[in-house]
Amino acid sequence: MPDDYSEILDGYDLSKAVRGKYSQRYLKDKQKSIVKITSEDGDRYVTMKTIKAKAIVTDDGKLTAEVDSDIKPGEYRVTLIIEEPASPPTAPPSPKIDKGDR
């Protein structure tokens, strides 16, 4: 791989190029993956999609979440990763050095 691409780029007119023009389409496609799931019920292929959403869990264990409008209404199997606020871990105390051991 060359260190300097100036010779290669001389033949291209990038004056009208738009940085990131297709990045959203690429990212949207990368958020979905077709996965084979093997279980006691047999194999099945599913589309896995990663989404981020705020959710509310009530005292009786019901979860309510608002998701993007591009998800079709229906019943889904979901895996949740719950992020709970936490304080940064505290560093353990530094070991004391006995100056008399030198």
PDB file of N, CA and C in Angstrom:
ATOM      1  N   MET A   1       0.851  -1.169   0.000  1.00  0.00           N
ATOM      2  CA  MET A   1       0.000   0.000   0.000  1.00  0.00           C
ATOM      3  C   MET A   1       0.900   1.237   0.000  1.00  0.00           C
ATOM      4  N   PRO A   2       0.636   2.177  -0.907  1.00  0.00           N
ATOM      5  CA  PRO A   2       1.510   3.350  -0.973  1.00  0.00           C
ATOM      6  C   PRO A   2       1.325   4.268   0.228  1.00  0.00           C
ATOM      7  N   ASP A   3       2.411   4.953   0.576  1.00  0.00           N
ATOM      8  CA  ASP A   3       2.347   5.924   1.661  1.00  0.00           C
ATOM      9  C   ASP A   3       1.755   7.252   1.186  1.00  0.00           C
ATOM     10  N   ASP A   4       1.947   7.559  -0.098  1.00  0.00           N
ATOM     11  CA  ASP A   4       1.489   8.831  -0.649  1.00  0.00           C
ATOM     12  C   ASP A   4       0.540   8.537  -1.805  1.00  0.00           C
ATOM     13  N   TYR A   5      -0.694   8.941  -1.692  1.00  0.00           N
ATOM     14  CA  TYR A   5      -1.708   8.664  -2.706  1.00  0.00           C
ATOM     15  C   TYR A   5      -1.828   9.778  -3.733  1.00  0.00           C
ATOM     16  N   SER A   6      -0.955  10.776  -3.697  1.00  0.00           N
ATOM     17  CA  SER A   6      -1.096  11.923  -4.584  1.00  0.00           C
ATOM     18  C   SER A   6      -1.034  11.522  -6.056  1.00  0.00           C
ATOM     19  N   GLU A   7      -0.180  10.563  -6.411  1.00  0.00           N
ATOM     20  CA  GLU A   7      -0.105  10.123  -7.810  1.00  0.00           C
ATOM     21  C   GLU A   7      -1.406   9.443  -8.232  1.00  0.00           C
ATOM     22  N   ILE A   8      -1.968   8.635  -7.367  1.00  0.00           N
ATOM     23  CA  ILE A   8      -3.196   7.922  -7.677  1.00  0.00           C
ATOM     24  C   ILE A   8      -4.358   8.901  -7.806  1.00  0.00           C
ATOM     25  N   LEU A   9      -4.425   9.899  -6.945  1.00  0.00           N
ATOM     26  CA  LEU A   9      -5.548  10.833  -6.912  1.00  0.00           C
ATOM     27  C   LEU A   9      -5.478  11.891  -8.000  1.00  0.00           C
ATOM     28  N   ASP A  10      -4.339  12.056  -8.671  1.00  0.00           N
ATOM     29  CA  ASP A  10      -4.216  13.078  -9.715  1.00  0.00           C
ATOM     30  C   ASP A  10      -5.250  12.900 -10.824  1.00  0.00           C
ATOM     31  N   GLY A  11      -5.645  11.672 -11.125  1.00  0.00           N
ATOM     32  CA  GLY A  11      -6.591  11.410 -12.197  1.00  0.00           C
ATOM     33  C   GLY A  11      -8.050  11.608 -11.799  1.00  0.00           C
ATOM     34  N   TYR A  12      -8.311  11.939 -10.556  1.00  0.00           N
ATOM     35  CA  TYR A  12      -9.689  12.063 -10.082  1.00  0.00           C
ATOM     36  C   TYR A  12     -10.034  13.511  -9.773  1.00  0.00           C
ATOM     37  N   ASP A  13     -11.243  13.911 -10.140  1.00  0.00           N
ATOM     38  CA  ASP A  13     -11.742  15.238  -9.785  1.00  0.00           C
ATOM     39  C   ASP A  13     -12.659  15.080  -8.585  1.00  0.00           C
ATOM     40  N   LEU A  14     -12.190  15.431  -7.413  1.00  0.00           N
ATOM     41  CA  LEU A  14     -12.959  15.299  -6.179  1.00  0.00           C
ATOM     42  C   LEU A  14     -13.549  16.638  -5.723  1.00  0.00           C
ATOM     43  N   SER A  15     -13.584  17.623  -6.624  1.00  0.00           N
ATOM     44  CA  SER A  15     -14.050  18.953  -6.236  1.00  0.00           C
ATOM     45  C   SER A  15     -15.528  18.967  -5.853  1.00  0.00           C
ATOM     46  N   LYS A  16     -16.317  18.018  -6.384  1.00  0.00           N
ATOM     47  CA  LYS A  16     -17.747  17.980  -6.063  1.00  0.00           C
ATOM     48  C   LYS A  16     -18.085  16.818  -5.126  1.00  0.00           C
ATOM     49  N   ALA A  17     -17.079  16.222  -4.564  1.00  0.00           N
ATOM     50  CA  ALA A  17     -17.305  15.095  -3.652  1.00  0.00           C
ATOM     51  C   ALA A  17     -17.940  15.589  -2.358  1.00  0.00           C
ATOM     52  N   VAL A  18     -18.783  14.761  -1.783  1.00  0.00           N
ATOM     53  CA  VAL A  18     -19.448  15.091  -0.519  1.00  0.00           C
ATOM     54  C   VAL A  18     -19.023  14.050   0.505  1.00  0.00           C
ATOM     55  N   ARG A  19     -18.317  14.515   1.533  1.00  0.00           N
ATOM     56  CA  ARG A  19     -17.856  13.584   2.578  1.00  0.00           C
ATOM     57  C   ARG A  19     -19.063  13.021   3.321  1.00  0.00           C
ATOM     58  N   GLY A  20     -19.076  11.697   3.465  1.00  0.00           N
ATOM     59  CA  GLY A  20     -20.129  11.044   4.233  1.00  0.00           C
ATOM     60  C   GLY A  20     -21.457  10.924   3.509  1.00  0.00           C
ATOM     61  N   LYS A  21     -21.474  11.136   2.181  1.00  0.00           N
ATOM     62  CA  LYS A  21     -22.734  11.125   1.428  1.00  0.00           C
ATOM     63  C   LYS A  21     -23.514   9.824   1.619  1.00  0.00           C
ATOM     64  N   TYR A  22     -22.833   8.697   1.676  1.00  0.00           N
ATOM     65  CA  TYR A  22     -23.497   7.406   1.791  1.00  0.00           C
ATOM     66  C   TYR A  22     -23.338   6.784   3.178  1.00  0.00           C
ATOM     67  N   SER A  23     -22.787   7.521   4.107  1.00  0.00           N
ATOM     68  CA  SER A  23     -22.491   6.944   5.423  1.00  0.00           C
ATOM     69  C   SER A  23     -23.745   6.520   6.174  1.00  0.00           C
ATOM     70  N   GLN A  24     -24.826   7.303   6.107  1.00  0.00           N
ATOM     71  CA  GLN A  24     -26.047   6.938   6.830  1.00  0.00           C
ATOM     72  C   GLN A  24     -26.644   5.656   6.272  1.00  0.00           C
ATOM     73  N   ARG A  25     -26.617   5.498   4.939  1.00  0.00           N
ATOM     74  CA  ARG A  25     -27.133   4.271   4.324  1.00  0.00           C
ATOM     75  C   ARG A  25     -26.275   3.078   4.759  1.00  0.00           C
ATOM     76  N   TYR A  26     -24.952   3.277   4.760  1.00  0.00           N
ATOM     77  CA  TYR A  26     -24.050   2.205   5.173  1.00  0.00           C
ATOM     78  C   TYR A  26     -24.302   1.826   6.632  1.00  0.00           C
ATOM     79  N   LEU A  27     -24.422   2.818   7.510  1.00  0.00           N
ATOM     80  CA  LEU A  27     -24.646   2.545   8.923  1.00  0.00           C
ATOM     81  C   LEU A  27     -25.986   1.861   9.152  1.00  0.00           C
ATOM     82  N   LYS A  28     -27.012   2.278   8.406  1.00  0.00           N
ATOM     83  CA  LYS A  28     -28.326   1.662   8.553  1.00  0.00           C
ATOM     84  C   LYS A  28     -28.262   0.186   8.162  1.00  0.00           C
ATOM     85  N   ASP A  29     -27.558  -0.115   7.070  1.00  0.00           N
ATOM     86  CA  ASP A  29     -27.404  -1.507   6.644  1.00  0.00           C
ATOM     87  C   ASP A  29     -26.580  -2.310   7.634  1.00  0.00           C
ATOM     88  N   LYS A  30     -25.597  -1.686   8.279  1.00  0.00           N
ATOM     89  CA  LYS A  30     -24.737  -2.386   9.228  1.00  0.00           C
ATOM     90  C   LYS A  30     -25.457  -2.679  10.537  1.00  0.00           C
ATOM     91  N   GLN A  31     -26.578  -1.992  10.803  1.00  0.00           N
ATOM     92  CA  GLN A  31     -27.310  -2.217  12.039  1.00  0.00           C
ATOM     93  C   GLN A  31     -28.137  -3.488  11.977  1.00  0.00           C
ATOM     94  N   LYS A  32     -28.289  -4.075  10.803  1.00  0.00           N
ATOM     95  CA  LYS A  32     -29.061  -5.300  10.646  1.00  0.00           C
ATOM     96  C   LYS A  32     -28.129  -6.434  10.268  1.00  0.00           C
ATOM     97  N   SER A  33     -28.328  -7.582  10.854  1.00  0.00           N
ATOM     98  CA  SER A  33     -27.541  -8.756  10.537  1.00  0.00           C
ATOM     99  C   SER A  33     -28.468  -9.952  10.470  1.00  0.00           C
ATOM    100  N   ILE A  34     -28.263 -10.816   9.474  1.00  0.00           N
ATOM    101  CA  ILE A  34     -29.015 -12.060   9.417  1.00  0.00           C
ATOM    102  C   ILE A  34     -28.215 -13.099  10.189  1.00  0.00           C
ATOM    103  N   VAL A  35     -28.890 -13.719  11.146  1.00  0.00           N
ATOM    104  CA  VAL A  35     -28.230 -14.644  12.064  1.00  0.00           C
ATOM    105  C   VAL A  35     -28.968 -15.972  12.054  1.00  0.00           C
ATOM    106  N   LYS A  36     -28.203 -17.055  12.080  1.00  0.00           N
ATOM    107  CA  LYS A  36     -28.788 -18.387  12.207  1.00  0.00           C
ATOM    108  C   LYS A  36     -28.821 -18.736  13.686  1.00  0.00           C
ATOM    109  N   ILE A  37     -30.003 -19.076  14.195  1.00  0.00           N
ATOM    110  CA  ILE A  37     -30.160 -19.446  15.595  1.00  0.00           C
ATOM    111  C   ILE A  37     -30.490 -20.929  15.644  1.00  0.00           C
ATOM    112  N   THR A  38     -29.684 -21.671  16.392  1.00  0.00           N
ATOM    113  CA  THR A  38     -29.912 -23.099  16.562  1.00  0.00           C
ATOM    114  C   THR A  38     -30.421 -23.337  17.969  1.00  0.00           C
ATOM    115  N   SER A  39     -31.560 -24.009  18.066  1.00  0.00           N
ATOM    116  CA  SER A  39     -32.134 -24.290  19.376  1.00  0.00           C
ATOM    117  C   SER A  39     -32.755 -25.685  19.352  1.00  0.00           C
ATOM    118  N   GLU A  40     -33.349 -26.069  20.470  1.00  0.00           N
ATOM    119  CA  GLU A  40     -34.014 -27.374  20.547  1.00  0.00           C
ATOM    120  C   GLU A  40     -35.153 -27.476  19.538  1.00  0.00           C
ATOM    121  N   ASP A  41     -35.743 -26.339  19.173  1.00  0.00           N
ATOM    122  CA  ASP A  41     -36.844 -26.314  18.216  1.00  0.00           C
ATOM    123  C   ASP A  41     -36.359 -26.375  16.771  1.00  0.00           C
ATOM    124  N   GLY A  42     -35.057 -26.378  16.560  1.00  0.00           N
ATOM    125  CA  GLY A  42     -34.501 -26.403  15.201  1.00  0.00           C
ATOM    126  C   GLY A  42     -33.802 -25.097  14.861  1.00  0.00           C
ATOM    127  N   ASP A  43     -33.333 -25.018  13.633  1.00  0.00           N
ATOM    128  CA  ASP A  43     -32.635 -23.826  13.168  1.00  0.00           C
ATOM    129  C   ASP A  43     -33.641 -22.820  12.608  1.00  0.00           C
ATOM    130  N   ARG A  44     -33.326 -21.549  12.789  1.00  0.00           N
ATOM    131  CA  ARG A  44     -34.124 -20.502  12.167  1.00  0.00           C
ATOM    132  C   ARG A  44     -33.196 -19.334  11.853  1.00  0.00           C
ATOM    133  N   TYR A  45     -33.526 -18.624  10.809  1.00  0.00           N
ATOM    134  CA  TYR A  45     -32.768 -17.439  10.435  1.00  0.00           C
ATOM    135  C   TYR A  45     -33.593 -16.213  10.798  1.00  0.00           C
ATOM    136  N   VAL A  46     -32.957 -15.261  11.413  1.00  0.00           N
ATOM    137  CA  VAL A  46     -33.634 -14.043  11.830  1.00  0.00           C
ATOM    138  C   VAL A  46     -32.781 -12.839  11.456  1.00  0.00           C
ATOM    139  N   THR A  47     -33.428 -11.709  11.334  1.00  0.00           N
ATOM    140  CA  THR A  47     -32.715 -10.454  11.140  1.00  0.00           C
ATOM    141  C   THR A  47     -32.557  -9.815  12.501  1.00  0.00           C
ATOM    142  N   MET A  48     -31.331  -9.565  12.882  1.00  0.00           N
ATOM    143  CA  MET A  48     -31.055  -8.912  14.159  1.00  0.00           C
ATOM    144  C   MET A  48     -30.826  -7.436  13.864  1.00  0.00           C
ATOM    145  N   LYS A  49     -31.441  -6.583  14.652  1.00  0.00           N
ATOM    146  CA  LYS A  49     -31.281  -5.147  14.489  1.00  0.00           C
ATOM    147  C   LYS A  49     -30.976  -4.544  15.846  1.00  0.00           C
ATOM    148  N   THR A  50     -29.961  -3.724  15.890  1.00  0.00           N
ATOM    149  CA  THR A  50     -29.600  -3.034  17.121  1.00  0.00           C
ATOM    150  C   THR A  50     -30.271  -1.674  17.138  1.00  0.00           C
ATOM    151  N   ILE A  51     -31.008  -1.405  18.203  1.00  0.00           N
ATOM    152  CA  ILE A  51     -31.637  -0.094  18.361  1.00  0.00           C
ATOM    153  C   ILE A  51     -31.337   0.419  19.765  1.00  0.00           C
ATOM    154  N   LYS A  52     -31.382   1.711  19.902  1.00  0.00           N
ATOM    155  CA  LYS A  52     -31.262   2.327  21.223  1.00  0.00           C
ATOM    156  C   LYS A  52     -32.582   3.006  21.519  1.00  0.00           C
ATOM    157  N   ALA A  53     -33.080   2.802  22.719  1.00  0.00           N
ATOM    158  CA  ALA A  53     -34.359   3.395  23.087  1.00  0.00           C
ATOM    159  C   ALA A  53     -34.391   3.626  24.590  1.00  0.00           C
ATOM    160  N   LYS A  54     -35.171   4.585  25.010  1.00  0.00           N
ATOM    161  CA  LYS A  54     -35.435   4.769  26.431  1.00  0.00           C
ATOM    162  C   LYS A  54     -36.623   3.891  26.786  1.00  0.00           C
ATOM    163  N   ALA A  55     -36.579   3.295  27.949  1.00  0.00           N
ATOM    164  CA  ALA A  55     -37.668   2.420  28.368  1.00  0.00           C
ATOM    165  C   ALA A  55     -38.001   2.693  29.827  1.00  0.00           C
ATOM    166  N   ILE A  56     -39.221   2.347  30.195  1.00  0.00           N
ATOM    167  CA  ILE A  56     -39.677   2.491  31.580  1.00  0.00           C
ATOM    168  C   ILE A  56     -40.116   1.118  32.067  1.00  0.00           C
ATOM    169  N   VAL A  57     -39.641   0.735  33.246  1.00  0.00           N
ATOM    170  CA  VAL A  57     -40.068  -0.509  33.880  1.00  0.00           C
ATOM    171  C   VAL A  57     -40.900  -0.125  35.099  1.00  0.00           C
ATOM    172  N   THR A  58     -42.114  -0.668  35.181  1.00  0.00           N
ATOM    173  CA  THR A  58     -43.010  -0.353  36.295  1.00  0.00           C
ATOM    174  C   THR A  58     -42.768  -1.310  37.453  1.00  0.00           C
ATOM    175  N   ASP A  59     -43.365  -1.004  38.600  1.00  0.00           N
ATOM    176  CA  ASP A  59     -43.208  -1.846  39.793  1.00  0.00           C
ATOM    177  C   ASP A  59     -43.668  -3.283  39.550  1.00  0.00           C
ATOM    178  N   ASP A  60     -44.652  -3.459  38.664  1.00  0.00           N
ATOM    179  CA  ASP A  60     -45.132  -4.811  38.400  1.00  0.00           C
ATOM    180  C   ASP A  60     -44.365  -5.498  37.267  1.00  0.00           C
ATOM    181  N   GLY A  61     -43.233  -4.927  36.860  1.00  0.00           N
ATOM    182  CA  GLY A  61     -42.345  -5.572  35.898  1.00  0.00           C
ATOM    183  C   GLY A  61     -42.689  -5.360  34.439  1.00  0.00           C
ATOM    184  N   LYS A  62     -43.576  -4.453  34.127  1.00  0.00           N
ATOM    185  CA  LYS A  62     -43.914  -4.195  32.732  1.00  0.00           C
ATOM    186  C   LYS A  62     -42.932  -3.186  32.154  1.00  0.00           C
ATOM    187  N   LEU A  63     -42.508  -3.452  30.929  1.00  0.00           N
ATOM    188  CA  LEU A  63     -41.556  -2.590  30.252  1.00  0.00           C
ATOM    189  C   LEU A  63     -42.273  -1.858  29.122  1.00  0.00           C
ATOM    190  N   THR A  64     -42.083  -0.551  29.053  1.00  0.00           N
ATOM    191  CA  THR A  64     -42.614   0.255  27.971  1.00  0.00           C
ATOM    192  C   THR A  64     -41.446   0.966  27.316  1.00  0.00           C
ATOM    193  N   ALA A  65     -41.356   0.832  25.996  1.00  0.00           N
ATOM    194  CA  ALA A  65     -40.265   1.477  25.262  1.00  0.00           C
ATOM    195  C   ALA A  65     -40.832   2.133  24.014  1.00  0.00           C
ATOM    196  N   GLU A  66     -40.234   3.235  23.623  1.00  0.00           N
ATOM    197  CA  GLU A  66     -40.606   3.903  22.396  1.00  0.00           C
ATOM    198  C   GLU A  66     -39.482   3.651  21.398  1.00  0.00           C
ATOM    199  N   VAL A  67     -39.831   3.077  20.241  1.00  0.00           N
ATOM    200  CA  VAL A  67     -38.821   2.713  19.247  1.00  0.00           C
ATOM    201  C   VAL A  67     -39.033   3.504  17.962  1.00  0.00           C
ATOM    202  N   ASP A  68     -38.054   3.418  17.061  1.00  0.00           N
ATOM    203  CA  ASP A  68     -38.143   4.118  15.778  1.00  0.00           C
ATOM    204  C   ASP A  68     -39.374   3.680  15.004  1.00  0.00           C
ATOM    205  N   SER A  69     -39.866   4.571  14.168  1.00  0.00           N
ATOM    206  CA  SER A  69     -41.075   4.276  13.408  1.00  0.00           C
ATOM    207  C   SER A  69     -40.842   3.270  12.287  1.00  0.00           C
ATOM    208  N   ASP A  70     -39.572   2.945  11.964  1.00  0.00           N
ATOM    209  CA  ASP A  70     -39.331   1.983  10.887  1.00  0.00           C
ATOM    210  C   ASP A  70     -39.481   0.529  11.342  1.00  0.00           C
ATOM    211  N   ILE A  71     -39.800   0.309  12.606  1.00  0.00           N
ATOM    212  CA  ILE A  71     -40.055  -1.039  13.105  1.00  0.00           C
ATOM    213  C   ILE A  71     -41.545  -1.310  12.974  1.00  0.00           C
ATOM    214  N   LYS A  72     -41.851  -2.386  12.267  1.00  0.00           N
ATOM    215  CA  LYS A  72     -43.257  -2.711  12.009  1.00  0.00           C
ATOM    216  C   LYS A  72     -43.944  -3.170  13.290  1.00  0.00           C
ATOM    217  N   PRO A  73     -45.229  -2.839  13.456  1.00  0.00           N
ATOM    218  CA  PRO A  73     -45.971  -3.316  14.627  1.00  0.00           C
ATOM    219  C   PRO A  73     -45.999  -4.840  14.648  1.00  0.00           C
ATOM    220  N   GLY A  74     -45.942  -5.405  15.820  1.00  0.00           N
ATOM    221  CA  GLY A  74     -45.991  -6.850  15.951  1.00  0.00           C
ATOM    222  C   GLY A  74     -45.303  -7.310  17.213  1.00  0.00           C
ATOM    223  N   GLU A  75     -45.214  -8.621  17.358  1.00  0.00           N
ATOM    224  CA  GLU A  75     -44.574  -9.215  18.524  1.00  0.00           C
ATOM    225  C   GLU A  75     -43.146  -9.593  18.144  1.00  0.00           C
ATOM    226  N   TYR A  76     -42.204  -9.281  19.002  1.00  0.00           N
ATOM    227  CA  TYR A  76     -40.795  -9.536  18.740  1.00  0.00           C
ATOM    228  C   TYR A  76     -40.150 -10.219  19.932  1.00  0.00           C
ATOM    229  N   ARG A  77     -39.124 -11.006  19.668  1.00  0.00           N
ATOM    230  CA  ARG A  77     -38.231 -11.476  20.732  1.00  0.00           C
ATOM    231  C   ARG A  77     -37.167 -10.405  20.881  1.00  0.00           C
ATOM    232  N   VAL A  78     -36.903 -10.009  22.098  1.00  0.00           N
ATOM    233  CA  VAL A  78     -35.905  -8.970  22.326  1.00  0.00           C
ATOM    234  C   VAL A  78     -34.918  -9.415  23.397  1.00  0.00           C
ATOM    235  N   THR A  79     -33.720  -8.898  23.297  1.00  0.00           N
ATOM    236  CA  THR A  79     -32.708  -9.071  24.326  1.00  0.00           C
ATOM    237  C   THR A  79     -32.379  -7.678  24.832  1.00  0.00           C
ATOM    238  N   LEU A  80     -32.495  -7.475  26.113  1.00  0.00           N
ATOM    239  CA  LEU A  80     -32.261  -6.154  26.687  1.00  0.00           C
ATOM    240  C   LEU A  80     -30.915  -6.103  27.396  1.00  0.00           C
ATOM    241  N   ILE A  81     -30.243  -5.017  27.221  1.00  0.00           N
ATOM    242  CA  ILE A  81     -29.053  -4.706  28.013  1.00  0.00           C
ATOM    243  C   ILE A  81     -29.424  -3.466  28.806  1.00  0.00           C
ATOM    244  N   ILE A  82     -29.487  -3.613  30.110  1.00  0.00           N
ATOM    245  CA  ILE A  82     -29.925  -2.513  30.968  1.00  0.00           C
ATOM    246  C   ILE A  82     -28.696  -1.721  31.423  1.00  0.00           C
ATOM    247  N   GLU A  83     -28.719  -0.435  31.182  1.00  0.00           N
ATOM    248  CA  GLU A  83     -27.656   0.458  31.659  1.00  0.00           C
ATOM    249  C   GLU A  83     -28.154   1.152  32.910  1.00  0.00           C
ATOM    250  N   GLU A  84     -27.551   0.848  34.042  1.00  0.00           N
ATOM    251  CA  GLU A  84     -27.904   1.514  35.288  1.00  0.00           C
ATOM    252  C   GLU A  84     -26.824   2.527  35.624  1.00  0.00           C
ATOM    253  N   PRO A  85     -27.203   3.704  36.095  1.00  0.00           N
ATOM    254  CA  PRO A  85     -26.193   4.681  36.489  1.00  0.00           C
ATOM    255  C   PRO A  85     -25.310   4.111  37.599  1.00  0.00           C
ATOM    256  N   ALA A  86     -24.029   4.391  37.518  1.00  0.00           N
ATOM    257  CA  ALA A  86     -23.086   3.916  38.525  1.00  0.00           C
ATOM    258  C   ALA A  86     -22.008   4.970  38.731  1.00  0.00           C
ATOM    259  N   SER A  87     -21.405   4.935  39.885  1.00  0.00           N
ATOM    260  CA  SER A  87     -20.286   5.825  40.165  1.00  0.00           C
ATOM    261  C   SER A  87     -19.006   5.159  39.679  1.00  0.00           C
ATOM    262  N   PRO A  88     -18.036   5.961  39.256  1.00  0.00           N
ATOM    263  CA  PRO A  88     -16.768   5.357  38.832  1.00  0.00           C
ATOM    264  C   PRO A  88     -16.150   4.579  39.987  1.00  0.00           C
ATOM    265  N   PRO A  89     -15.474   3.478  39.681  1.00  0.00           N
ATOM    266  CA  PRO A  89     -14.844   2.712  40.761  1.00  0.00           C
ATOM    267  C   PRO A  89     -13.761   3.542  41.427  1.00  0.00           C
ATOM    268  N   THR A  90     -13.607   3.333  42.702  1.00  0.00           N
ATOM    269  CA  THR A  90     -12.559   4.050  43.427  1.00  0.00           C
ATOM    270  C   THR A  90     -11.270   3.244  43.355  1.00  0.00           C
ATOM    271  N   ALA A  91     -10.169   3.955  43.288  1.00  0.00           N
ATOM    272  CA  ALA A  91      -8.874   3.289  43.202  1.00  0.00           C
ATOM    273  C   ALA A  91      -8.523   2.694  44.559  1.00  0.00           C
ATOM    274  N   PRO A  92      -7.922   1.509  44.568  1.00  0.00           N
ATOM    275  CA  PRO A  92      -7.506   0.936  45.852  1.00  0.00           C
ATOM    276  C   PRO A  92      -6.413   1.811  46.464  1.00  0.00           C
ATOM    277  N   PRO A  93      -6.304   1.814  47.792  1.00  0.00           N
ATOM    278  CA  PRO A  93      -5.272   2.649  48.417  1.00  0.00           C
ATOM    279  C   PRO A  93      -3.881   2.191  47.985  1.00  0.00           C
ATOM    280  N   SER A  94      -3.013   3.170  47.834  1.00  0.00           N
ATOM    281  CA  SER A  94      -1.627   2.853  47.460  1.00  0.00           C
ATOM    282  C   SER A  94      -0.942   2.109  48.591  1.00  0.00           C
ATOM    283  N   PRO A  95      -0.121   1.109  48.258  1.00  0.00           N
ATOM    284  CA  PRO A  95       0.583   0.388  49.327  1.00  0.00           C
ATOM    285  C   PRO A  95       1.581   1.317  50.018  1.00  0.00           C
ATOM    286  N   LYS A  96       1.688   1.173  51.313  1.00  0.00           N
ATOM    287  CA  LYS A  96       2.636   1.992  52.085  1.00  0.00           C
ATOM    288  C   LYS A  96       4.017   1.353  51.977  1.00  0.00           C
ATOM    289  N   ILE A  97       4.998   2.192  51.738  1.00  0.00           N
ATOM    290  CA  ILE A  97       6.370   1.702  51.613  1.00  0.00           C
ATOM    291  C   ILE A  97       7.109   2.085  52.907  1.00  0.00           C
ATOM    292  N   ASP A  98       7.676   1.088  53.528  1.00  0.00           N
ATOM    293  CA  ASP A  98       8.453   1.324  54.735  1.00  0.00           C
ATOM    294  C   ASP A  98       9.847   1.764  54.329  1.00  0.00           C
ATOM    295  N   LYS A  99      10.192   3.007  54.634  1.00  0.00           N
ATOM    296  CA  LYS A  99      11.484   3.564  54.217  1.00  0.00           C
ATOM    297  C   LYS A  99      12.640   2.862  54.896  1.00  0.00           C
ATOM    298  N   GLY A 100      12.375   2.158  55.940  1.00  0.00           N
ATOM    299  CA  GLY A 100      13.447   1.456  56.633  1.00  0.00           C
ATOM    300  C   GLY A 100      13.913   0.194  55.922  1.00  0.00           C
ATOM    301  N   ASP A 101      13.188  -0.261  54.904  1.00  0.00           N
ATOM    302  CA  ASP A 101      13.539  -1.481  54.177  1.00  0.00           C
ATOM    303  C   ASP A 101      14.547  -1.215  53.075  1.00  0.00           C
ATOM    304  N   ARG A 102      14.968  -0.015  52.862  1.00  0.00           N
ATOM    305  CA  ARG A 102      15.874   0.288  51.739  1.00  0.00           C
ATOM    306  C   ARG A 102      17.276  -0.052  52.039  1.00  0.00           C
TER     307      ARG A 102
END
